[in-house]
Amino acid sequence: MELIPTKIEGLLIIEPRVFGDDRGFFLESWNREIFIQLGLDLNFVQDNHSRSGRGVLRGLHYQQPNPQGKLVRVVSGRAWDVAVDLRAGSSTYGQWVGLELSARNKRMFWVPPGFAHGFVSLEDVTDFLYKCTAPYDPANEHTLAWDDPSIGIDWPLEGMDPQLSTKDKLGKRLGDVEAFT
């Protein structure tokens, strides 16, 4: 596996080793010992799987207290995945990183606690998997506005009207959320 740093400290793109031939491919998406060797001593307690149609936008979600770190990947389709830094005192507070995750590129994205996270599905059927370091805690889940102009996320929405849940339509602006301490 290869770790690729992003412009925001802590957010990492992970390129797994893929072994392929004319029959298909094999990859290890999680191996505790390898991740520890790479400096990521993570304890996952929950796995999630979501399926979304083209244009479904989920997020930007975070839990506070009880924040989750998430190791995310797409196993069918394509998604534009985004994380926004909400760590108090961070020199990159309010900045974002986005990247395409797809069944084809097989990349993973490590989103540590202290970030809001979301994605938009770019294909008709996109299956998104994520391993979490803390259980889902609906009483402490919050939503950052996906379209907050002070953040300025460049969502690839050409020809799409984003489909949002009710809670995602009610996301708060960056200036109205409490930073992680």
C-alpha atoms as a PDB file:
ATOM      1  CA  MET A   1       0.000   0.000   0.000  1.00  0.00           C
ATOM      2  CA  GLU A   2       1.061   3.533  -0.657  1.00  0.00           C
ATOM      3  CA  LEU A   3       0.011   6.580   1.369  1.00  0.00           C
ATOM      4  CA  ILE A   4      -0.406   9.788  -0.627  1.00  0.00           C
ATOM      5  CA  PRO A   5      -0.572  12.944   1.487  1.00  0.00           C
ATOM      6  CA  THR A   6      -3.068  15.672   0.615  1.00  0.00           C
ATOM      7  CA  LYS A   7      -2.843  19.427   1.145  1.00  0.00           C
ATOM      8  CA  ILE A   8      -4.444  18.954   4.585  1.00  0.00           C
ATOM      9  CA  GLU A   9      -2.455  17.169   7.264  1.00  0.00           C
ATOM     10  CA  GLY A  10      -4.085  13.915   8.327  1.00  0.00           C
ATOM     11  CA  LEU A  11      -6.165  13.352   5.197  1.00  0.00           C
ATOM     12  CA  LEU A  12      -4.575  10.538   3.207  1.00  0.00           C
ATOM     13  CA  ILE A  13      -5.225   8.858  -0.115  1.00  0.00           C
ATOM     14  CA  ILE A  14      -4.396   5.171   0.063  1.00  0.00           C
ATOM     15  CA  GLU A  15      -3.396   3.221  -3.032  1.00  0.00           C
ATOM     16  CA  PRO A  16      -3.722  -0.505  -2.370  1.00  0.00           C
ATOM     17  CA  ARG A  17      -1.569  -3.056  -4.131  1.00  0.00           C
ATOM     18  CA  VAL A  18      -3.748  -4.609  -6.816  1.00  0.00           C
ATOM     19  CA  PHE A  19      -2.961  -8.009  -8.285  1.00  0.00           C
ATOM     20  CA  GLY A  20      -4.821  -8.529 -11.526  1.00  0.00           C
ATOM     21  CA  ASP A  21      -4.938 -10.775 -14.549  1.00  0.00           C
ATOM     22  CA  ASP A  22      -7.479 -11.746 -17.193  1.00  0.00           C
ATOM     23  CA  ARG A  23      -9.651 -13.381 -14.487  1.00  0.00           C
ATOM     24  CA  GLY A  24     -10.058 -10.209 -12.413  1.00  0.00           C
ATOM     25  CA  PHE A  25      -8.145  -8.780  -9.458  1.00  0.00           C
ATOM     26  CA  PHE A  26      -7.326  -9.155  -5.784  1.00  0.00           C
ATOM     27  CA  LEU A  27      -6.488  -6.443  -3.260  1.00  0.00           C
ATOM     28  CA  GLU A  28      -6.216  -6.124   0.493  1.00  0.00           C
ATOM     29  CA  SER A  29      -8.357  -3.205   1.617  1.00  0.00           C
ATOM     30  CA  TRP A  30      -7.521  -3.588   5.295  1.00  0.00           C
ATOM     31  CA  ASN A  31      -4.652  -5.292   7.067  1.00  0.00           C
ATOM     32  CA  ARG A  32      -4.047  -4.056  10.600  1.00  0.00           C
ATOM     33  CA  GLU A  33      -0.324  -4.878  10.621  1.00  0.00           C
ATOM     34  CA  ILE A  34       0.342  -3.108   7.314  1.00  0.00           C
ATOM     35  CA  PHE A  35      -1.606  -0.043   8.413  1.00  0.00           C
ATOM     36  CA  ILE A  36       0.357   0.057  11.685  1.00  0.00           C
ATOM     37  CA  GLN A  37       3.608  -0.144   9.685  1.00  0.00           C
ATOM     38  CA  LEU A  38       2.359   2.837   7.665  1.00  0.00           C
ATOM     39  CA  GLY A  39       1.738   4.810  10.871  1.00  0.00           C
ATOM     40  CA  LEU A  40      -2.032   4.293  11.027  1.00  0.00           C
ATOM     41  CA  ASP A  41      -2.833   2.404  14.228  1.00  0.00           C
ATOM     42  CA  LEU A  42      -6.599   2.344  13.772  1.00  0.00           C
ATOM     43  CA  ASN A  43      -9.288   0.510  15.678  1.00  0.00           C
ATOM     44  CA  PHE A  44     -12.396   0.052  13.553  1.00  0.00           C
ATOM     45  CA  VAL A  45     -15.662  -0.752  15.312  1.00  0.00           C
ATOM     46  CA  GLN A  46     -18.243  -0.463  12.528  1.00  0.00           C
ATOM     47  CA  ASP A  47     -18.499  -1.091   8.769  1.00  0.00           C
ATOM     48  CA  ASN A  48     -21.086   0.738   6.642  1.00  0.00           C
ATOM     49  CA  HIS A  49     -22.298   0.275   3.072  1.00  0.00           C
ATOM     50  CA  SER A  50     -24.418   2.782   1.179  1.00  0.00           C
ATOM     51  CA  ARG A  51     -25.788   2.650  -2.352  1.00  0.00           C
ATOM     52  CA  SER A  52     -26.631   5.857  -4.180  1.00  0.00           C
ATOM     53  CA  GLY A  53     -27.924   6.806  -7.600  1.00  0.00           C
ATOM     54  CA  ARG A  54     -26.353   9.454  -9.813  1.00  0.00           C
ATOM     55  CA  GLY A  55     -26.650  12.896  -8.249  1.00  0.00           C
ATOM     56  CA  VAL A  56     -27.303  11.721  -4.680  1.00  0.00           C
ATOM     57  CA  LEU A  57     -25.262  13.957  -2.396  1.00  0.00           C
ATOM     58  CA  ARG A  58     -24.695  12.725   1.160  1.00  0.00           C
ATOM     59  CA  GLY A  59     -23.142  15.013   3.749  1.00  0.00           C
ATOM     60  CA  LEU A  60     -21.257  16.783   4.937  1.00  0.00           C
ATOM     61  CA  HIS A  61     -21.590  14.767   8.167  1.00  0.00           C
ATOM     62  CA  TYR A  62     -19.626  14.664  11.397  1.00  0.00           C
ATOM     63  CA  GLN A  63     -20.180  13.543  14.987  1.00  0.00           C
ATOM     64  CA  GLN A  64     -19.389  15.716  17.951  1.00  0.00           C
ATOM     65  CA  PRO A  65     -18.800  14.430  20.564  1.00  0.00           C
ATOM     66  CA  ASN A  66     -17.840  10.839  19.704  1.00  0.00           C
ATOM     67  CA  PRO A  67     -16.153  11.711  16.377  1.00  0.00           C
ATOM     68  CA  GLN A  68     -15.567   9.038  13.788  1.00  0.00           C
ATOM     69  CA  GLY A  69     -12.518   8.405  11.678  1.00  0.00           C
ATOM     70  CA  LYS A  70     -13.507   6.843   8.343  1.00  0.00           C
ATOM     71  CA  LEU A  71     -11.634   4.715   5.840  1.00  0.00           C
ATOM     72  CA  VAL A  72     -13.762   5.031   2.707  1.00  0.00           C
ATOM     73  CA  ARG A  73     -13.817   3.429  -0.737  1.00  0.00           C
ATOM     74  CA  VAL A  74     -16.133   2.813  -3.678  1.00  0.00           C
ATOM     75  CA  VAL A  75     -16.638  -0.765  -4.888  1.00  0.00           C
ATOM     76  CA  SER A  76     -19.026  -0.072  -7.764  1.00  0.00           C
ATOM     77  CA  GLY A  77     -19.605   3.144  -9.661  1.00  0.00           C
ATOM     78  CA  ARG A  78     -17.898   6.471  -8.954  1.00  0.00           C
ATOM     79  CA  ALA A  79     -18.160   9.168  -6.312  1.00  0.00           C
ATOM     80  CA  TRP A  80     -16.634  12.578  -5.648  1.00  0.00           C
ATOM     81  CA  ASP A  81     -15.590  12.329  -2.005  1.00  0.00           C
ATOM     82  CA  VAL A  82     -14.940  15.393   0.171  1.00  0.00           C
ATOM     83  CA  ALA A  83     -13.574  16.093   3.656  1.00  0.00           C
ATOM     84  CA  VAL A  84     -13.600  19.508   5.365  1.00  0.00           C
ATOM     85  CA  ASP A  85     -11.235  20.341   8.220  1.00  0.00           C
ATOM     86  CA  LEU A  86     -13.154  21.296  11.399  1.00  0.00           C
ATOM     87  CA  ARG A  87     -10.235  21.022  13.843  1.00  0.00           C
ATOM     88  CA  ALA A  88      -9.909  24.058  16.104  1.00  0.00           C
ATOM     89  CA  GLY A  89      -6.549  25.760  15.705  1.00  0.00           C
ATOM     90  CA  SER A  90      -5.750  23.965  12.468  1.00  0.00           C
ATOM     91  CA  SER A  91      -4.013  26.117   9.864  1.00  0.00           C
ATOM     92  CA  THR A  92      -6.337  24.504   7.295  1.00  0.00           C
ATOM     93  CA  TYR A  93      -9.594  24.986   9.252  1.00  0.00           C
ATOM     94  CA  GLY A  94     -12.521  25.251   6.823  1.00  0.00           C
ATOM     95  CA  GLN A  95     -10.483  23.981   3.863  1.00  0.00           C
ATOM     96  CA  TRP A  96     -11.469  20.896   1.905  1.00  0.00           C
ATOM     97  CA  VAL A  97      -9.981  18.071  -0.120  1.00  0.00           C
ATOM     98  CA  GLY A  98     -11.953  16.247  -2.792  1.00  0.00           C
ATOM     99  CA  LEU A  99     -11.095  13.281  -4.965  1.00  0.00           C
ATOM    100  CA  GLU A 100     -12.752  10.703  -7.147  1.00  0.00           C
ATOM    101  CA  LEU A 101     -13.136   7.274  -5.652  1.00  0.00           C
ATOM    102  CA  SER A 102     -14.232   4.548  -8.035  1.00  0.00           C
ATOM    103  CA  ALA A 103     -14.396   0.829  -8.617  1.00  0.00           C
ATOM    104  CA  ARG A 104     -11.851   1.411 -11.362  1.00  0.00           C
ATOM    105  CA  ASN A 105      -9.177   3.354  -9.426  1.00  0.00           C
ATOM    106  CA  LYS A 106      -9.680   1.323  -6.203  1.00  0.00           C
ATOM    107  CA  ARG A 107      -8.375   4.203  -4.083  1.00  0.00           C
ATOM    108  CA  MET A 108      -9.262   4.638  -0.436  1.00  0.00           C
ATOM    109  CA  PHE A 109      -9.460   7.853   1.558  1.00  0.00           C
ATOM    110  CA  TRP A 110      -8.589   8.138   5.254  1.00  0.00           C
ATOM    111  CA  VAL A 111     -10.706  10.829   6.935  1.00  0.00           C
ATOM    112  CA  PRO A 112      -9.617  11.147  10.577  1.00  0.00           C
ATOM    113  CA  PRO A 113     -11.822  12.434  13.399  1.00  0.00           C
ATOM    114  CA  GLY A 114     -12.233  16.210  13.240  1.00  0.00           C
ATOM    115  CA  PHE A 115     -13.475  16.414   9.652  1.00  0.00           C
ATOM    116  CA  ALA A 116     -16.888  16.703   8.040  1.00  0.00           C
ATOM    117  CA  HIS A 117     -17.310  14.146   5.264  1.00  0.00           C
ATOM    118  CA  GLY A 118     -19.600  13.699   2.284  1.00  0.00           C
ATOM    119  CA  PHE A 119     -19.828  12.570  -1.305  1.00  0.00           C
ATOM    120  CA  VAL A 120     -21.855  12.803  -4.479  1.00  0.00           C
ATOM    121  CA  SER A 121     -22.533   9.741  -6.613  1.00  0.00           C
ATOM    122  CA  LEU A 122     -21.384  10.199 -10.214  1.00  0.00           C
ATOM    123  CA  GLU A 123     -22.992   7.039 -11.640  1.00  0.00           C
ATOM    124  CA  ASP A 124     -26.394   5.369 -11.551  1.00  0.00           C
ATOM    125  CA  VAL A 125     -25.267   2.778  -8.996  1.00  0.00           C
ATOM    126  CA  THR A 126     -22.458   3.690  -6.610  1.00  0.00           C
ATOM    127  CA  ASP A 127     -21.674   1.428  -3.664  1.00  0.00           C
ATOM    128  CA  PHE A 128     -19.696   3.209  -0.979  1.00  0.00           C
ATOM    129  CA  LEU A 129     -18.022   1.331   1.913  1.00  0.00           C
ATOM    130  CA  TYR A 130     -16.570   2.847   5.031  1.00  0.00           C
ATOM    131  CA  LYS A 131     -14.920   1.525   8.144  1.00  0.00           C
ATOM    132  CA  CYS A 132     -15.465   3.694  11.230  1.00  0.00           C
ATOM    133  CA  THR A 133     -13.410   4.171  14.399  1.00  0.00           C
ATOM    134  CA  ALA A 134     -16.493   4.964  16.517  1.00  0.00           C
ATOM    135  CA  PRO A 135     -20.082   3.743  16.326  1.00  0.00           C
ATOM    136  CA  TYR A 136     -22.762   5.833  14.687  1.00  0.00           C
ATOM    137  CA  ASP A 137     -24.243   8.177  17.280  1.00  0.00           C
ATOM    138  CA  PRO A 138     -27.356   9.849  15.828  1.00  0.00           C
ATOM    139  CA  ALA A 139     -27.821  12.098  18.860  1.00  0.00           C
ATOM    140  CA  ASN A 140     -24.445  13.705  18.126  1.00  0.00           C
ATOM    141  CA  GLU A 141     -24.479  13.722  14.327  1.00  0.00           C
ATOM    142  CA  HIS A 142     -24.294  17.128  12.653  1.00  0.00           C
ATOM    143  CA  THR A 143     -24.343  18.370   9.083  1.00  0.00           C
ATOM    144  CA  LEU A 144     -22.181  21.069   7.544  1.00  0.00           C
ATOM    145  CA  ALA A 145     -23.817  22.768   4.545  1.00  0.00           C
ATOM    146  CA  TRP A 146     -22.543  21.110   1.372  1.00  0.00           C
ATOM    147  CA  ASP A 147     -22.885  24.373  -0.548  1.00  0.00           C
ATOM    148  CA  ASP A 148     -21.476  26.852   1.998  1.00  0.00           C
ATOM    149  CA  PRO A 149     -19.824  29.573  -0.141  1.00  0.00           C
ATOM    150  CA  SER A 150     -17.256  30.275   2.579  1.00  0.00           C
ATOM    151  CA  ILE A 151     -15.892  26.757   2.019  1.00  0.00           C
ATOM    152  CA  GLY A 152     -16.336  26.771  -1.762  1.00  0.00           C
ATOM    153  CA  ILE A 153     -16.359  23.051  -2.544  1.00  0.00           C
ATOM    154  CA  ASP A 154     -16.110  22.444  -6.274  1.00  0.00           C
ATOM    155  CA  TRP A 155     -18.665  19.636  -6.624  1.00  0.00           C
ATOM    156  CA  PRO A 156     -18.707  18.064 -10.124  1.00  0.00           C
ATOM    157  CA  LEU A 157     -22.449  18.500 -10.634  1.00  0.00           C
ATOM    158  CA  GLU A 158     -22.554  19.235 -14.369  1.00  0.00           C
ATOM    159  CA  GLY A 159     -25.960  18.138 -15.623  1.00  0.00           C
ATOM    160  CA  MET A 160     -27.086  17.004 -12.164  1.00  0.00           C
ATOM    161  CA  ASP A 161     -29.491  18.414  -9.632  1.00  0.00           C
ATOM    162  CA  PRO A 162     -28.133  17.165  -6.295  1.00  0.00           C
ATOM    163  CA  GLN A 163     -30.568  14.927  -4.425  1.00  0.00           C
ATOM    164  CA  LEU A 164     -30.374  15.652  -0.696  1.00  0.00           C
ATOM    165  CA  SER A 165     -31.952  14.230   2.434  1.00  0.00           C
ATOM    166  CA  THR A 166     -33.943  16.589   4.624  1.00  0.00           C
ATOM    167  CA  LYS A 167     -31.136  16.767   7.216  1.00  0.00           C
ATOM    168  CA  ASP A 168     -28.573  17.545   4.500  1.00  0.00           C
ATOM    169  CA  LYS A 169     -30.739  20.390   3.195  1.00  0.00           C
ATOM    170  CA  LEU A 170     -30.593  21.866   6.717  1.00  0.00           C
ATOM    171  CA  GLY A 171     -26.780  21.771   7.075  1.00  0.00           C
ATOM    172  CA  LYS A 172     -25.195  24.639   9.010  1.00  0.00           C
ATOM    173  CA  ARG A 173     -22.700  27.136   7.624  1.00  0.00           C
ATOM    174  CA  LEU A 174     -19.086  26.907   8.732  1.00  0.00           C
ATOM    175  CA  GLY A 175     -19.443  30.008  10.922  1.00  0.00           C
ATOM    176  CA  ASP A 176     -22.272  28.322  12.844  1.00  0.00           C
ATOM    177  CA  VAL A 177     -20.584  25.006  13.720  1.00  0.00           C
ATOM    178  CA  GLU A 178     -18.454  24.211  16.745  1.00  0.00           C
ATOM    179  CA  ALA A 179     -14.871  23.295  15.887  1.00  0.00           C
ATOM    180  CA  PHE A 180     -13.320  20.077  17.182  1.00  0.00           C
ATOM    181  CA  THR A 181     -10.959  20.638  20.112  1.00  0.00           C
END
